[in-house]
Amino acid sequence: MNWTRVLAGGVAAGIVINIADFVMHGTIMANTYMKYKQVFSQTPANPGWFVLIALCIGIASAILFGKTRGSWAAGWMGGATFGFFLGLVMMFPGFYNSLVIDGFPYYLCWCWGGITMIDSMLGGAVLGAIIKRT
């Protein structure tokens, strides 16, 4: 496993995931969140945390992808396929939100799950383009 490519891919995937999340949560879903002020009433977090977490997710995904690279097709399509399956794993814990957060609408679990799938597939495509099959 080429650690330089894995770390570079992880950082690049983390940046793509952060940008995609900003667009989807900050722009596309913003009006939906405004309807549920009772659910989303806490003080906003420091944006730096979002960047850090996206980078950590990108690097962790890159390590997993690098370790299993031979199982996926070459290029960005193999990475996107990896991202699809990773997204499935990451999507379902979000359904706890409607069970443990008072007033959290169930359909938002599906929205967040879809966003997770898009994030994972975009990040995976970046990884597939950067981390080559050997």
C-alpha atoms as a PDB file:
ATOM      1  CA  MET A   1       0.000   0.000   0.000  1.00  0.00           C
ATOM      2  CA  ASN A   2       1.386   3.381  -1.007  1.00  0.00           C
ATOM      3  CA  TRP A   3       0.917   5.495   2.145  1.00  0.00           C
ATOM      4  CA  THR A   4       1.632   8.759   0.331  1.00  0.00           C
ATOM      5  CA  ARG A   5      -1.235   8.119  -2.081  1.00  0.00           C
ATOM      6  CA  VAL A   6      -3.486   6.901   0.730  1.00  0.00           C
ATOM      7  CA  LEU A   7      -2.933  10.047   2.819  1.00  0.00           C
ATOM      8  CA  ALA A   8      -3.199  12.342  -0.214  1.00  0.00           C
ATOM      9  CA  GLY A   9      -6.377  10.549  -1.284  1.00  0.00           C
ATOM     10  CA  GLY A  10      -7.777  10.756   2.235  1.00  0.00           C
ATOM     11  CA  VAL A  11      -7.158  14.483   2.474  1.00  0.00           C
ATOM     12  CA  ALA A  12      -8.612  15.071  -1.008  1.00  0.00           C
ATOM     13  CA  ALA A  13     -11.654  12.905  -0.217  1.00  0.00           C
ATOM     14  CA  GLY A  14     -12.118  14.755   3.087  1.00  0.00           C
ATOM     15  CA  ILE A  15     -12.104  18.108   1.303  1.00  0.00           C
ATOM     16  CA  VAL A  16     -14.645  16.866  -1.259  1.00  0.00           C
ATOM     17  CA  ILE A  17     -16.849  15.451   1.518  1.00  0.00           C
ATOM     18  CA  ASN A  18     -16.701  18.741   3.429  1.00  0.00           C
ATOM     19  CA  ILE A  19     -17.641  20.798   0.360  1.00  0.00           C
ATOM     20  CA  ALA A  20     -20.471  18.410  -0.547  1.00  0.00           C
ATOM     21  CA  ASP A  21     -21.807  18.534   3.019  1.00  0.00           C
ATOM     22  CA  PHE A  22     -21.666  22.322   3.030  1.00  0.00           C
ATOM     23  CA  VAL A  23     -23.655  22.504  -0.202  1.00  0.00           C
ATOM     24  CA  MET A  24     -26.205  19.879   0.776  1.00  0.00           C
ATOM     25  CA  HIS A  25     -26.738  20.805   4.435  1.00  0.00           C
ATOM     26  CA  GLY A  26     -25.969  24.517   4.242  1.00  0.00           C
ATOM     27  CA  THR A  27     -27.777  25.331   1.013  1.00  0.00           C
ATOM     28  CA  ILE A  28     -30.151  22.614  -0.156  1.00  0.00           C
ATOM     29  CA  MET A  29     -31.461  21.556   3.275  1.00  0.00           C
ATOM     30  CA  ALA A  30     -31.235  24.959   5.004  1.00  0.00           C
ATOM     31  CA  ASN A  31     -34.934  25.817   4.623  1.00  0.00           C
ATOM     32  CA  THR A  32     -35.935  22.390   5.926  1.00  0.00           C
ATOM     33  CA  TYR A  33     -33.826  22.881   9.041  1.00  0.00           C
ATOM     34  CA  MET A  34     -35.419  26.292   9.629  1.00  0.00           C
ATOM     35  CA  LYS A  35     -38.818  24.563   9.937  1.00  0.00           C
ATOM     36  CA  TYR A  36     -37.545  22.541  12.897  1.00  0.00           C
ATOM     37  CA  LYS A  37     -36.045  25.189  15.164  1.00  0.00           C
ATOM     38  CA  GLN A  38     -37.100  23.170  18.214  1.00  0.00           C
ATOM     39  CA  VAL A  39     -34.874  20.286  17.037  1.00  0.00           C
ATOM     40  CA  PHE A  40     -31.954  22.358  15.740  1.00  0.00           C
ATOM     41  CA  SER A  41     -31.836  24.887  18.567  1.00  0.00           C
ATOM     42  CA  GLN A  42     -28.328  24.434  19.917  1.00  0.00           C
ATOM     43  CA  THR A  43     -25.524  26.917  19.448  1.00  0.00           C
ATOM     44  CA  PRO A  44     -23.802  26.349  16.088  1.00  0.00           C
ATOM     45  CA  ALA A  45     -20.482  24.515  16.289  1.00  0.00           C
ATOM     46  CA  ASN A  46     -17.153  25.900  15.165  1.00  0.00           C
ATOM     47  CA  PRO A  47     -16.869  25.227  11.377  1.00  0.00           C
ATOM     48  CA  GLY A  48     -13.318  24.015  11.943  1.00  0.00           C
ATOM     49  CA  TRP A  49     -14.724  20.887  13.583  1.00  0.00           C
ATOM     50  CA  PHE A  50     -16.638  20.033  10.423  1.00  0.00           C
ATOM     51  CA  VAL A  51     -13.456  20.302   8.366  1.00  0.00           C
ATOM     52  CA  LEU A  52     -11.499  18.184  10.861  1.00  0.00           C
ATOM     53  CA  ILE A  53     -14.164  15.474  11.018  1.00  0.00           C
ATOM     54  CA  ALA A  54     -14.469  15.352   7.205  1.00  0.00           C
ATOM     55  CA  LEU A  55     -10.683  14.961   6.950  1.00  0.00           C
ATOM     56  CA  CYS A  56     -10.715  12.168   9.548  1.00  0.00           C
ATOM     57  CA  ILE A  57     -13.503  10.380   7.660  1.00  0.00           C
ATOM     58  CA  GLY A  58     -11.587  10.826   4.397  1.00  0.00           C
ATOM     59  CA  ILE A  59      -8.341   9.452   5.821  1.00  0.00           C
ATOM     60  CA  ALA A  60     -10.047   6.513   7.580  1.00  0.00           C
ATOM     61  CA  SER A  61     -11.908   5.702   4.357  1.00  0.00           C
ATOM     62  CA  ALA A  62      -8.675   5.945   2.384  1.00  0.00           C
ATOM     63  CA  ILE A  63      -6.938   3.466   4.696  1.00  0.00           C
ATOM     64  CA  LEU A  64      -9.828   1.014   4.364  1.00  0.00           C
ATOM     65  CA  PHE A  65      -9.921   1.540   0.592  1.00  0.00           C
ATOM     66  CA  GLY A  66      -6.144   1.159   0.314  1.00  0.00           C
ATOM     67  CA  LYS A  67      -6.222  -2.101   2.255  1.00  0.00           C
ATOM     68  CA  THR A  68      -9.004  -3.499   0.034  1.00  0.00           C
ATOM     69  CA  ARG A  69      -7.975  -1.800  -3.236  1.00  0.00           C
ATOM     70  CA  GLY A  70      -7.564  -5.092  -5.102  1.00  0.00           C
ATOM     71  CA  SER A  71     -11.249  -5.880  -4.538  1.00  0.00           C
ATOM     72  CA  TRP A  72     -12.510  -2.834  -6.421  1.00  0.00           C
ATOM     73  CA  ALA A  73     -12.458  -1.988 -10.117  1.00  0.00           C
ATOM     74  CA  ALA A  74      -9.795   0.350 -11.443  1.00  0.00           C
ATOM     75  CA  GLY A  75     -10.316   4.121 -11.487  1.00  0.00           C
ATOM     76  CA  TRP A  76     -12.975   6.319 -10.029  1.00  0.00           C
ATOM     77  CA  MET A  77     -15.794   3.812 -10.694  1.00  0.00           C
ATOM     78  CA  GLY A  78     -14.182   1.258  -8.400  1.00  0.00           C
ATOM     79  CA  GLY A  79     -13.846   3.964  -5.768  1.00  0.00           C
ATOM     80  CA  ALA A  80     -17.461   5.032  -6.196  1.00  0.00           C
ATOM     81  CA  THR A  81     -18.548   1.407  -5.750  1.00  0.00           C
ATOM     82  CA  PHE A  82     -16.504   1.238  -2.543  1.00  0.00           C
ATOM     83  CA  GLY A  83     -18.151   4.519  -1.495  1.00  0.00           C
ATOM     84  CA  PHE A  84     -21.605   3.083  -2.127  1.00  0.00           C
ATOM     85  CA  PHE A  85     -21.030   0.174   0.246  1.00  0.00           C
ATOM     86  CA  LEU A  86     -19.294   2.377   2.810  1.00  0.00           C
ATOM     87  CA  GLY A  87     -22.230   4.782   2.583  1.00  0.00           C
ATOM     88  CA  LEU A  88     -24.671   1.964   3.305  1.00  0.00           C
ATOM     89  CA  VAL A  89     -22.780   1.150   6.494  1.00  0.00           C
ATOM     90  CA  MET A  90     -22.605   4.814   7.542  1.00  0.00           C
ATOM     91  CA  MET A  91     -26.224   5.589   6.617  1.00  0.00           C
ATOM     92  CA  PHE A  92     -28.205   3.366   8.954  1.00  0.00           C
ATOM     93  CA  PRO A  93     -26.952   4.637  12.345  1.00  0.00           C
ATOM     94  CA  GLY A  94     -28.577   7.969  11.395  1.00  0.00           C
ATOM     95  CA  PHE A  95     -31.983   6.395  11.927  1.00  0.00           C
ATOM     96  CA  TYR A  96     -31.362   6.537  15.669  1.00  0.00           C
ATOM     97  CA  ASN A  97     -31.833  10.311  15.454  1.00  0.00           C
ATOM     98  CA  SER A  98     -35.610  10.041  15.156  1.00  0.00           C
ATOM     99  CA  LEU A  99     -35.625   7.646  18.115  1.00  0.00           C
ATOM    100  CA  VAL A 100     -33.506   9.697  20.516  1.00  0.00           C
ATOM    101  CA  ILE A 101     -33.973  13.358  19.494  1.00  0.00           C
ATOM    102  CA  ASP A 102     -37.391  14.702  20.409  1.00  0.00           C
ATOM    103  CA  GLY A 103     -39.120  16.129  17.341  1.00  0.00           C
ATOM    104  CA  PHE A 104     -36.566  14.841  14.822  1.00  0.00           C
ATOM    105  CA  PRO A 105     -38.629  13.989  11.719  1.00  0.00           C
ATOM    106  CA  TYR A 106     -38.199  10.460  10.378  1.00  0.00           C
ATOM    107  CA  TYR A 107     -37.920  11.623   6.768  1.00  0.00           C
ATOM    108  CA  LEU A 108     -34.810  13.622   7.694  1.00  0.00           C
ATOM    109  CA  CYS A 109     -33.146  10.306   8.527  1.00  0.00           C
ATOM    110  CA  TRP A 110     -33.661   9.346   4.880  1.00  0.00           C
ATOM    111  CA  CYS A 111     -32.448  12.757   3.721  1.00  0.00           C
ATOM    112  CA  TRP A 112     -29.303  12.476   5.827  1.00  0.00           C
ATOM    113  CA  GLY A 113     -28.849   8.894   4.661  1.00  0.00           C
ATOM    114  CA  GLY A 114     -28.991  10.069   1.055  1.00  0.00           C
ATOM    115  CA  ILE A 115     -26.493  12.818   1.795  1.00  0.00           C
ATOM    116  CA  THR A 116     -24.217  10.250   3.439  1.00  0.00           C
ATOM    117  CA  MET A 117     -24.458   8.044   0.336  1.00  0.00           C
ATOM    118  CA  ILE A 118     -23.599  10.977  -1.948  1.00  0.00           C
ATOM    119  CA  ASP A 119     -20.685  11.989   0.302  1.00  0.00           C
ATOM    120  CA  SER A 120     -19.343   8.444   0.421  1.00  0.00           C
ATOM    121  CA  MET A 121     -19.611   7.899  -3.313  1.00  0.00           C
ATOM    122  CA  LEU A 122     -17.949  11.229  -4.122  1.00  0.00           C
ATOM    123  CA  GLY A 123     -15.186  10.563  -1.604  1.00  0.00           C
ATOM    124  CA  GLY A 124     -14.794   7.024  -2.929  1.00  0.00           C
ATOM    125  CA  ALA A 125     -14.539   8.276  -6.516  1.00  0.00           C
ATOM    126  CA  VAL A 126     -11.726  10.607  -5.444  1.00  0.00           C
ATOM    127  CA  LEU A 127      -9.980   7.715  -3.698  1.00  0.00           C
ATOM    128  CA  GLY A 128     -10.356   5.492  -6.759  1.00  0.00           C
ATOM    129  CA  ALA A 129      -8.797   8.166  -8.946  1.00  0.00           C
ATOM    130  CA  ILE A 130      -5.837   8.718  -6.604  1.00  0.00           C
ATOM    131  CA  ILE A 131      -5.130   5.265  -5.148  1.00  0.00           C
ATOM    132  CA  LYS A 132      -4.224   3.020  -8.063  1.00  0.00           C
ATOM    133  CA  ARG A 133      -4.671  -0.741  -8.261  1.00  0.00           C
ATOM    134  CA  THR A 134      -1.440  -2.693  -8.079  1.00  0.00           C
END
